[in-house]
N, C-alpha and C. Protein backbone atom coordinates (compact mmCIF):
# COMPACT_ATOMS: atom_id res chain seq x y z
N MET A 1 -66.46 10.77 -16.04
CA MET A 1 -65.75 10.32 -14.90
C MET A 1 -64.62 11.31 -14.64
N ILE A 2 -64.55 11.75 -13.42
CA ILE A 2 -63.56 12.75 -13.02
C ILE A 2 -62.53 12.06 -12.11
N ARG A 3 -61.34 12.41 -12.36
CA ARG A 3 -60.27 11.78 -11.58
C ARG A 3 -59.73 12.81 -10.60
N THR A 4 -59.68 12.44 -9.33
CA THR A 4 -59.01 13.28 -8.33
C THR A 4 -57.67 12.65 -8.01
N GLU A 5 -57.09 13.10 -6.93
CA GLU A 5 -55.73 12.61 -6.63
C GLU A 5 -55.65 11.09 -6.49
N LYS A 6 -56.55 10.51 -5.70
CA LYS A 6 -56.42 9.09 -5.44
C LYS A 6 -57.66 8.28 -5.82
N SER A 7 -58.67 8.93 -6.24
CA SER A 7 -59.88 8.16 -6.51
C SER A 7 -60.61 8.73 -7.73
N TYR A 8 -61.54 7.99 -8.18
CA TYR A 8 -62.38 8.40 -9.31
C TYR A 8 -63.77 8.75 -8.79
N ILE A 9 -64.38 9.76 -9.38
CA ILE A 9 -65.76 10.12 -9.03
C ILE A 9 -66.61 9.73 -10.23
N ASP A 10 -67.61 8.94 -9.94
CA ASP A 10 -68.47 8.47 -11.01
C ASP A 10 -69.86 9.07 -10.82
N GLY A 11 -70.25 9.91 -11.71
CA GLY A 11 -71.59 10.48 -11.67
C GLY A 11 -71.72 11.61 -10.68
N THR A 12 -72.90 11.66 -10.08
CA THR A 12 -73.21 12.77 -9.18
C THR A 12 -73.07 12.41 -7.72
N SER A 13 -72.65 11.20 -7.44
CA SER A 13 -72.52 10.81 -6.03
C SER A 13 -71.35 11.55 -5.39
N VAL A 14 -71.51 11.86 -4.16
CA VAL A 14 -70.50 12.61 -3.41
C VAL A 14 -69.56 11.61 -2.73
N ARG A 15 -68.36 12.01 -2.74
CA ARG A 15 -67.35 11.15 -2.12
C ARG A 15 -67.52 11.20 -0.61
N LYS A 16 -67.30 10.02 0.03
CA LYS A 16 -67.41 9.96 1.47
C LYS A 16 -66.18 10.59 2.08
N ILE A 17 -66.38 11.27 3.17
CA ILE A 17 -65.27 11.88 3.89
C ILE A 17 -64.54 10.78 4.65
N GLU A 18 -63.27 10.81 4.51
CA GLU A 18 -62.48 9.81 5.22
C GLU A 18 -62.46 10.18 6.69
N TYR A 19 -62.78 9.20 7.48
CA TYR A 19 -62.94 9.44 8.90
C TYR A 19 -61.94 8.55 9.63
N ASP A 20 -61.08 9.17 10.43
CA ASP A 20 -60.10 8.41 11.22
C ASP A 20 -60.66 8.22 12.61
N VAL A 21 -60.92 6.98 12.93
CA VAL A 21 -61.53 6.66 14.22
C VAL A 21 -60.58 7.03 15.35
N TYR A 22 -59.29 6.81 15.15
CA TYR A 22 -58.32 7.04 16.21
C TYR A 22 -58.13 8.53 16.49
N GLU A 23 -58.42 9.35 15.50
CA GLU A 23 -58.20 10.78 15.66
C GLU A 23 -59.25 11.43 16.55
N HIS A 24 -60.47 10.97 16.47
CA HIS A 24 -61.56 11.60 17.21
C HIS A 24 -61.85 10.92 18.54
N ASN A 25 -61.51 9.64 18.67
CA ASN A 25 -61.78 8.92 19.90
C ASN A 25 -60.53 8.98 20.77
N GLN A 26 -60.63 9.57 21.94
CA GLN A 26 -59.48 9.78 22.80
C GLN A 26 -58.92 8.46 23.36
N VAL A 27 -59.76 7.51 23.67
CA VAL A 27 -59.32 6.23 24.22
C VAL A 27 -58.53 5.46 23.17
N LEU A 28 -59.09 5.38 21.97
CA LEU A 28 -58.39 4.67 20.90
C LEU A 28 -57.09 5.38 20.53
N LYS A 29 -57.14 6.70 20.56
CA LYS A 29 -55.94 7.49 20.26
C LYS A 29 -54.85 7.20 21.28
N ALA A 30 -55.19 7.12 22.55
CA ALA A 30 -54.22 6.84 23.61
C ALA A 30 -53.66 5.42 23.47
N LYS A 31 -54.56 4.47 23.10
CA LYS A 31 -54.10 3.09 22.93
C LYS A 31 -53.13 2.97 21.76
N SER A 32 -53.42 3.62 20.65
CA SER A 32 -52.51 3.54 19.49
C SER A 32 -51.18 4.21 19.80
N LYS A 33 -51.25 5.30 20.55
CA LYS A 33 -50.01 5.98 20.94
C LYS A 33 -49.19 5.10 21.88
N ALA A 34 -49.87 4.41 22.79
CA ALA A 34 -49.18 3.51 23.73
C ALA A 34 -48.54 2.36 22.97
N ARG A 35 -49.27 1.81 21.96
CA ARG A 35 -48.69 0.73 21.15
C ARG A 35 -47.45 1.21 20.40
N ALA A 36 -47.52 2.38 19.84
CA ALA A 36 -46.37 2.93 19.11
C ALA A 36 -45.21 3.17 20.07
N ASN A 37 -45.52 3.66 21.27
CA ASN A 37 -44.47 3.90 22.26
C ASN A 37 -43.82 2.59 22.71
N THR A 38 -44.60 1.53 22.92
CA THR A 38 -44.02 0.25 23.33
C THR A 38 -43.15 -0.33 22.22
N LYS A 39 -43.57 -0.18 20.96
CA LYS A 39 -42.73 -0.65 19.85
C LYS A 39 -41.40 0.08 19.83
N VAL A 40 -41.45 1.39 20.05
CA VAL A 40 -40.22 2.18 20.07
C VAL A 40 -39.35 1.76 21.24
N LYS A 41 -39.98 1.54 22.40
CA LYS A 41 -39.22 1.13 23.58
C LYS A 41 -38.56 -0.24 23.35
N ILE A 42 -39.29 -1.16 22.74
CA ILE A 42 -38.72 -2.49 22.45
C ILE A 42 -37.55 -2.36 21.49
N LYS A 43 -37.69 -1.53 20.47
CA LYS A 43 -36.60 -1.32 19.52
C LYS A 43 -35.38 -0.71 20.20
N ILE A 44 -35.62 0.26 21.09
CA ILE A 44 -34.50 0.89 21.81
C ILE A 44 -33.82 -0.12 22.73
N LEU A 45 -34.62 -0.93 23.45
CA LEU A 45 -34.04 -1.95 24.32
C LEU A 45 -33.24 -2.97 23.51
N PHE A 46 -33.77 -3.36 22.35
CA PHE A 46 -33.05 -4.30 21.50
C PHE A 46 -31.72 -3.70 21.03
N CYS A 47 -31.73 -2.43 20.64
CA CYS A 47 -30.49 -1.77 20.21
C CYS A 47 -29.50 -1.66 21.35
N ILE A 48 -30.00 -1.32 22.55
CA ILE A 48 -29.11 -1.24 23.72
C ILE A 48 -28.52 -2.62 24.02
N PHE A 49 -29.35 -3.67 23.93
CA PHE A 49 -28.85 -5.02 24.15
C PHE A 49 -27.78 -5.40 23.13
N MET A 50 -28.00 -5.06 21.87
CA MET A 50 -27.02 -5.37 20.83
C MET A 50 -25.71 -4.62 21.07
N VAL A 51 -25.79 -3.34 21.45
CA VAL A 51 -24.58 -2.57 21.72
C VAL A 51 -23.86 -3.16 22.93
N PHE A 52 -24.61 -3.50 23.98
CA PHE A 52 -24.02 -4.10 25.17
C PHE A 52 -23.35 -5.43 24.81
N SER A 53 -24.01 -6.25 23.99
CA SER A 53 -23.44 -7.53 23.56
C SER A 53 -22.15 -7.32 22.77
N ALA A 54 -22.15 -6.33 21.90
CA ALA A 54 -20.94 -6.05 21.11
C ALA A 54 -19.79 -5.63 22.02
N PHE A 55 -20.07 -4.76 23.00
CA PHE A 55 -19.02 -4.35 23.93
C PHE A 55 -18.57 -5.52 24.81
N ALA A 56 -19.50 -6.38 25.22
CA ALA A 56 -19.12 -7.55 26.02
C ALA A 56 -18.23 -8.48 25.20
N LEU A 57 -18.56 -8.68 23.95
CA LEU A 57 -17.73 -9.52 23.08
C LEU A 57 -16.35 -8.90 22.89
N LEU A 58 -16.31 -7.60 22.72
CA LEU A 58 -15.04 -6.91 22.56
C LEU A 58 -14.19 -7.04 23.82
N MET A 59 -14.81 -6.87 24.99
CA MET A 59 -14.07 -7.01 26.25
C MET A 59 -13.58 -8.44 26.43
N TYR A 60 -14.39 -9.43 26.04
CA TYR A 60 -13.99 -10.83 26.15
C TYR A 60 -12.77 -11.11 25.27
N ARG A 61 -12.78 -10.57 24.07
CA ARG A 61 -11.63 -10.77 23.16
C ARG A 61 -10.37 -10.15 23.74
N TYR A 62 -10.49 -8.94 24.30
CA TYR A 62 -9.33 -8.31 24.91
C TYR A 62 -8.85 -9.09 26.13
N ALA A 63 -9.77 -9.68 26.88
CA ALA A 63 -9.38 -10.51 28.02
C ALA A 63 -8.61 -11.74 27.54
N LEU A 64 -9.07 -12.36 26.46
CA LEU A 64 -8.35 -13.51 25.90
C LEU A 64 -6.96 -13.11 25.41
N ILE A 65 -6.87 -11.98 24.75
CA ILE A 65 -5.58 -11.51 24.26
C ILE A 65 -4.63 -11.24 25.42
N THR A 66 -5.14 -10.65 26.49
CA THR A 66 -4.32 -10.37 27.67
C THR A 66 -3.85 -11.67 28.31
N ASP A 67 -4.74 -12.66 28.40
CA ASP A 67 -4.37 -13.95 28.97
C ASP A 67 -3.29 -14.62 28.14
N ILE A 68 -3.44 -14.60 26.84
CA ILE A 68 -2.42 -15.19 25.95
C ILE A 68 -1.10 -14.45 26.09
N ASN A 69 -1.17 -13.13 26.25
CA ASN A 69 0.04 -12.34 26.42
C ASN A 69 0.76 -12.72 27.72
N TYR A 70 0.00 -12.93 28.82
CA TYR A 70 0.61 -13.36 30.08
C TYR A 70 1.29 -14.72 29.91
N LYS A 71 0.61 -15.64 29.24
CA LYS A 71 1.19 -16.97 29.02
C LYS A 71 2.45 -16.87 28.17
N LEU A 72 2.43 -16.01 27.17
CA LEU A 72 3.59 -15.83 26.30
C LEU A 72 4.76 -15.26 27.08
N ASN A 73 4.50 -14.28 27.94
CA ASN A 73 5.58 -13.71 28.76
C ASN A 73 6.14 -14.74 29.72
N LYS A 74 5.27 -15.57 30.29
CA LYS A 74 5.73 -16.62 31.20
C LYS A 74 6.61 -17.62 30.45
N ALA A 75 6.19 -18.02 29.27
CA ALA A 75 6.99 -18.96 28.47
C ALA A 75 8.32 -18.33 28.06
N TYR A 76 8.31 -17.04 27.74
CA TYR A 76 9.55 -16.36 27.36
C TYR A 76 10.51 -16.30 28.55
N LYS A 77 10.00 -16.03 29.76
CA LYS A 77 10.86 -16.02 30.94
C LYS A 77 11.44 -17.40 31.21
N GLU A 78 10.62 -18.43 31.02
CA GLU A 78 11.10 -19.80 31.20
C GLU A 78 12.19 -20.12 30.17
N TYR A 79 11.98 -19.68 28.94
CA TYR A 79 12.98 -19.86 27.89
C TYR A 79 14.29 -19.17 28.27
N GLU A 80 14.19 -17.95 28.78
CA GLU A 80 15.40 -17.21 29.18
C GLU A 80 16.12 -17.93 30.31
N ASN A 81 15.37 -18.47 31.29
CA ASN A 81 15.99 -19.21 32.39
C ASN A 81 16.71 -20.45 31.88
N ILE A 82 16.09 -21.18 30.99
CA ILE A 82 16.72 -22.38 30.43
C ILE A 82 17.96 -21.99 29.62
N LYS A 83 17.86 -20.91 28.89
CA LYS A 83 19.00 -20.44 28.11
C LYS A 83 20.17 -20.06 29.03
N ASN A 84 19.87 -19.38 30.14
CA ASN A 84 20.91 -19.02 31.10
C ASN A 84 21.52 -20.25 31.75
N GLU A 85 20.69 -21.25 32.08
CA GLU A 85 21.21 -22.50 32.63
C GLU A 85 22.13 -23.18 31.63
N ASN A 86 21.77 -23.15 30.38
CA ASN A 86 22.59 -23.75 29.33
C ASN A 86 23.94 -23.05 29.24
N ILE A 87 23.93 -21.72 29.33
CA ILE A 87 25.19 -20.97 29.28
C ILE A 87 26.04 -21.31 30.49
N ARG A 88 25.40 -21.40 31.69
CA ARG A 88 26.16 -21.76 32.90
C ARG A 88 26.76 -23.15 32.77
N ALA A 89 25.99 -24.10 32.22
CA ALA A 89 26.51 -25.46 32.04
C ALA A 89 27.67 -25.47 31.06
N THR A 90 27.59 -24.66 30.01
CA THR A 90 28.69 -24.57 29.05
C THR A 90 29.94 -24.03 29.71
N VAL A 91 29.77 -23.04 30.58
CA VAL A 91 30.93 -22.47 31.29
C VAL A 91 31.53 -23.51 32.23
N GLU A 92 30.68 -24.28 32.93
CA GLU A 92 31.18 -25.33 33.82
C GLU A 92 31.93 -26.39 33.04
N ILE A 93 31.43 -26.75 31.88
CA ILE A 93 32.13 -27.73 31.04
C ILE A 93 33.46 -27.17 30.58
N ALA A 94 33.47 -25.89 30.22
CA ALA A 94 34.72 -25.26 29.79
C ALA A 94 35.73 -25.23 30.93
N LYS A 95 35.25 -25.01 32.16
CA LYS A 95 36.16 -25.04 33.32
C LYS A 95 36.73 -26.44 33.50
N GLY A 96 35.89 -27.44 33.30
CA GLY A 96 36.34 -28.82 33.45
C GLY A 96 37.31 -29.25 32.37
N MET A 97 37.36 -28.54 31.26
CA MET A 97 38.26 -28.89 30.16
C MET A 97 39.64 -28.27 30.31
N ASP A 98 39.91 -27.58 31.40
CA ASP A 98 41.22 -26.97 31.63
C ASP A 98 42.25 -28.09 31.76
N LEU A 99 43.31 -28.04 30.95
CA LEU A 99 44.31 -29.12 30.91
C LEU A 99 45.07 -29.25 32.23
N GLU A 100 45.34 -28.15 32.87
CA GLU A 100 46.06 -28.20 34.14
C GLU A 100 45.21 -28.89 35.21
N ARG A 101 43.94 -28.61 35.20
CA ARG A 101 43.04 -29.25 36.17
C ARG A 101 42.91 -30.74 35.88
N ILE A 102 42.84 -31.11 34.61
CA ILE A 102 42.77 -32.53 34.24
C ILE A 102 44.03 -33.25 34.70
N ARG A 103 45.20 -32.62 34.50
CA ARG A 103 46.46 -33.23 34.94
C ARG A 103 46.48 -33.40 36.45
N GLN A 104 46.00 -32.39 37.17
CA GLN A 104 45.99 -32.46 38.63
C GLN A 104 45.07 -33.59 39.12
N ILE A 105 43.90 -33.73 38.54
CA ILE A 105 42.98 -34.80 38.93
C ILE A 105 43.58 -36.15 38.60
N ALA A 106 44.23 -36.27 37.45
CA ALA A 106 44.84 -37.54 37.05
C ALA A 106 45.95 -37.93 38.02
N GLU A 107 46.75 -36.97 38.46
CA GLU A 107 47.86 -37.29 39.36
C GLU A 107 47.39 -37.55 40.78
N THR A 108 46.45 -36.73 41.29
CA THR A 108 46.06 -36.86 42.70
C THR A 108 44.99 -37.92 42.91
N GLU A 109 43.91 -37.87 42.19
CA GLU A 109 42.80 -38.78 42.45
C GLU A 109 42.97 -40.14 41.78
N LEU A 110 43.52 -40.16 40.58
CA LEU A 110 43.63 -41.42 39.84
C LEU A 110 45.00 -42.08 39.97
N GLY A 111 45.96 -41.38 40.55
CA GLY A 111 47.28 -41.95 40.77
C GLY A 111 48.10 -42.11 39.50
N MET A 112 47.85 -41.35 38.50
CA MET A 112 48.60 -41.43 37.26
C MET A 112 49.85 -40.57 37.37
N ARG A 113 50.81 -40.89 36.53
CA ARG A 113 52.03 -40.07 36.47
C ARG A 113 52.57 -40.10 35.06
N LYS A 114 53.49 -39.20 34.77
CA LYS A 114 54.06 -39.12 33.43
C LYS A 114 54.98 -40.31 33.20
N PRO A 115 55.00 -40.84 31.97
CA PRO A 115 55.89 -41.98 31.69
C PRO A 115 57.34 -41.52 31.62
N GLU A 116 58.21 -42.44 31.98
CA GLU A 116 59.64 -42.14 31.88
C GLU A 116 60.09 -42.43 30.46
N LYS A 117 61.34 -42.06 30.16
CA LYS A 117 61.82 -42.17 28.78
C LYS A 117 61.88 -43.60 28.30
N HIS A 118 62.23 -44.54 29.16
CA HIS A 118 62.34 -45.93 28.71
C HIS A 118 60.95 -46.58 28.55
N GLN A 119 59.89 -45.94 29.05
CA GLN A 119 58.54 -46.48 28.93
C GLN A 119 57.83 -46.00 27.65
N ILE A 120 58.38 -45.02 27.00
CA ILE A 120 57.76 -44.47 25.80
C ILE A 120 58.17 -45.32 24.60
N VAL A 121 57.19 -45.76 23.84
CA VAL A 121 57.42 -46.53 22.63
C VAL A 121 56.90 -45.70 21.47
N ARG A 122 57.78 -45.47 20.52
CA ARG A 122 57.39 -44.68 19.35
C ARG A 122 57.10 -45.63 18.20
N LEU A 123 56.01 -45.37 17.51
CA LEU A 123 55.61 -46.18 16.37
C LEU A 123 55.68 -45.34 15.12
N ASN A 124 56.17 -45.96 14.06
CA ASN A 124 56.20 -45.30 12.77
C ASN A 124 55.09 -45.93 11.93
N VAL A 125 54.04 -45.22 11.76
CA VAL A 125 52.90 -45.73 11.01
C VAL A 125 53.01 -45.18 9.60
N THR A 126 53.24 -46.09 8.67
CA THR A 126 53.31 -45.67 7.27
C THR A 126 51.93 -45.87 6.65
N ARG A 127 51.61 -44.95 5.85
CA ARG A 127 50.31 -45.04 5.19
C ARG A 127 50.53 -45.53 3.77
N ASN A 128 49.74 -46.50 3.41
CA ASN A 128 49.84 -47.04 2.05
C ASN A 128 48.99 -46.19 1.12
N ASP A 129 49.55 -45.92 -0.04
CA ASP A 129 48.82 -45.14 -1.01
C ASP A 129 48.18 -46.02 -2.08
N TYR A 130 47.99 -47.25 -1.78
CA TYR A 130 47.36 -48.14 -2.74
C TYR A 130 46.28 -48.96 -2.03
N ILE A 131 45.42 -49.56 -2.85
CA ILE A 131 44.30 -50.33 -2.32
C ILE A 131 44.49 -51.77 -2.75
N GLN A 132 44.30 -52.69 -1.79
CA GLN A 132 44.40 -54.10 -2.13
C GLN A 132 43.01 -54.61 -2.49
N VAL A 133 42.97 -55.45 -3.48
CA VAL A 133 41.71 -56.03 -3.90
C VAL A 133 41.37 -57.17 -2.94
N ALA A 134 40.10 -57.36 -2.66
CA ALA A 134 39.67 -58.34 -1.67
C ALA A 134 40.07 -59.76 -2.07
N GLU A 135 40.10 -60.09 -3.33
CA GLU A 135 40.48 -61.44 -3.77
C GLU A 135 41.94 -61.71 -3.44
N ASN A 136 42.80 -60.72 -3.62
CA ASN A 136 44.22 -60.91 -3.30
C ASN A 136 44.41 -61.16 -1.81
N ILE A 137 43.65 -60.48 -0.99
CA ILE A 137 43.77 -60.66 0.46
C ILE A 137 43.32 -62.07 0.84
N GLU A 138 42.24 -62.55 0.24
CA GLU A 138 41.75 -63.89 0.54
C GLU A 138 42.77 -64.93 0.11
N GLN A 139 43.42 -64.73 -1.02
CA GLN A 139 44.43 -65.68 -1.47
C GLN A 139 45.62 -65.69 -0.52
N LYS A 140 46.02 -64.54 -0.02
CA LYS A 140 47.13 -64.49 0.94
C LYS A 140 46.74 -65.19 2.23
N ASN A 141 45.49 -65.01 2.67
CA ASN A 141 45.03 -65.67 3.89
C ASN A 141 45.02 -67.18 3.72
N LYS A 142 44.67 -67.67 2.55
CA LYS A 142 44.67 -69.11 2.31
C LYS A 142 46.09 -69.66 2.35
N LYS A 143 47.04 -68.89 1.84
CA LYS A 143 48.43 -69.34 1.81
C LYS A 143 49.02 -69.38 3.21
N THR A 144 48.62 -68.45 4.08
CA THR A 144 49.22 -68.37 5.41
C THR A 144 48.56 -69.31 6.39
N ASN A 145 47.51 -70.02 5.99
CA ASN A 145 46.87 -70.98 6.88
C ASN A 145 47.71 -72.26 6.94
N THR A 146 48.69 -72.20 7.75
CA THR A 146 49.55 -73.37 7.95
C THR A 146 49.26 -73.94 9.32
N PHE A 147 49.98 -74.96 9.65
CA PHE A 147 49.79 -75.61 10.94
C PHE A 147 50.09 -74.65 12.09
N PHE A 148 51.11 -73.85 11.94
CA PHE A 148 51.50 -72.91 13.00
C PHE A 148 50.43 -71.83 13.22
N SER A 149 49.88 -71.28 12.15
CA SER A 149 48.83 -70.25 12.29
C SER A 149 47.56 -70.86 12.88
N PHE A 150 47.26 -72.11 12.51
CA PHE A 150 46.10 -72.79 13.08
C PHE A 150 46.26 -72.96 14.58
N LEU A 151 47.46 -73.38 14.99
CA LEU A 151 47.74 -73.56 16.41
C LEU A 151 47.67 -72.21 17.15
N LEU A 152 48.16 -71.17 16.54
CA LEU A 152 48.15 -69.84 17.15
C LEU A 152 46.72 -69.32 17.33
N THR A 153 45.84 -69.50 16.37
CA THR A 153 44.45 -69.05 16.51
C THR A 153 43.73 -69.83 17.60
N ARG A 154 44.01 -71.14 17.72
CA ARG A 154 43.39 -71.94 18.78
C ARG A 154 43.86 -71.45 20.16
N LEU A 155 45.10 -71.10 20.25
CA LEU A 155 45.65 -70.60 21.51
C LEU A 155 45.02 -69.24 21.88
N GLU A 156 44.81 -68.38 20.92
CA GLU A 156 44.15 -67.08 21.16
C GLU A 156 42.71 -67.29 21.61
N ASN A 157 42.00 -68.22 21.01
CA ASN A 157 40.62 -68.51 21.41
C ASN A 157 40.57 -69.04 22.84
N LEU A 158 41.54 -69.86 23.21
CA LEU A 158 41.60 -70.39 24.57
C LEU A 158 41.85 -69.27 25.58
N VAL A 159 42.74 -68.35 25.25
CA VAL A 159 43.03 -67.23 26.15
C VAL A 159 41.80 -66.33 26.29
N ARG A 160 41.09 -66.08 25.23
CA ARG A 160 39.86 -65.28 25.29
C ARG A 160 38.80 -65.96 26.15
N TRP A 161 38.71 -67.27 26.03
CA TRP A 161 37.72 -68.02 26.80
C TRP A 161 38.03 -67.96 28.30
N LEU A 162 39.31 -67.99 28.65
CA LEU A 162 39.70 -67.93 30.06
C LEU A 162 39.44 -66.55 30.67
N TYR A 163 39.57 -65.52 29.90
CA TYR A 163 39.35 -64.18 30.44
C TYR A 163 37.96 -63.77 30.15
């Protein structure tokens, strides 16, 4: 048995010549070439479609980014306008806090005037540096509940009821 490149020869029989039908027949050769060409064309069209889709997706993303950027700029301008309005309102409030203007409005529109010396009452408020316990206060209140204090509280309640 003799071995050639791809096949074995057994005995004295001669190997058959490989015959390509497509190579010798012009019609079949044209058909196989046309099939190969259509496969290549389909692959090229598919690749072009994929590239076009990728670019379309890329353009869509950039369009979305641009739209978001426009919205962001609009919101920033609105923020700046509100901030400026806030500053203007603060200035108007500061103008309204002018003491001379307050005095003028009080005298002209509200009819107020400065008190005279005999109308001023000065109070001396002393601050206690100690704390009273609640029980001691209750005991003092019980002791001061006399007939006169009872009558005074009833009179205060009557005056409140009338007004």
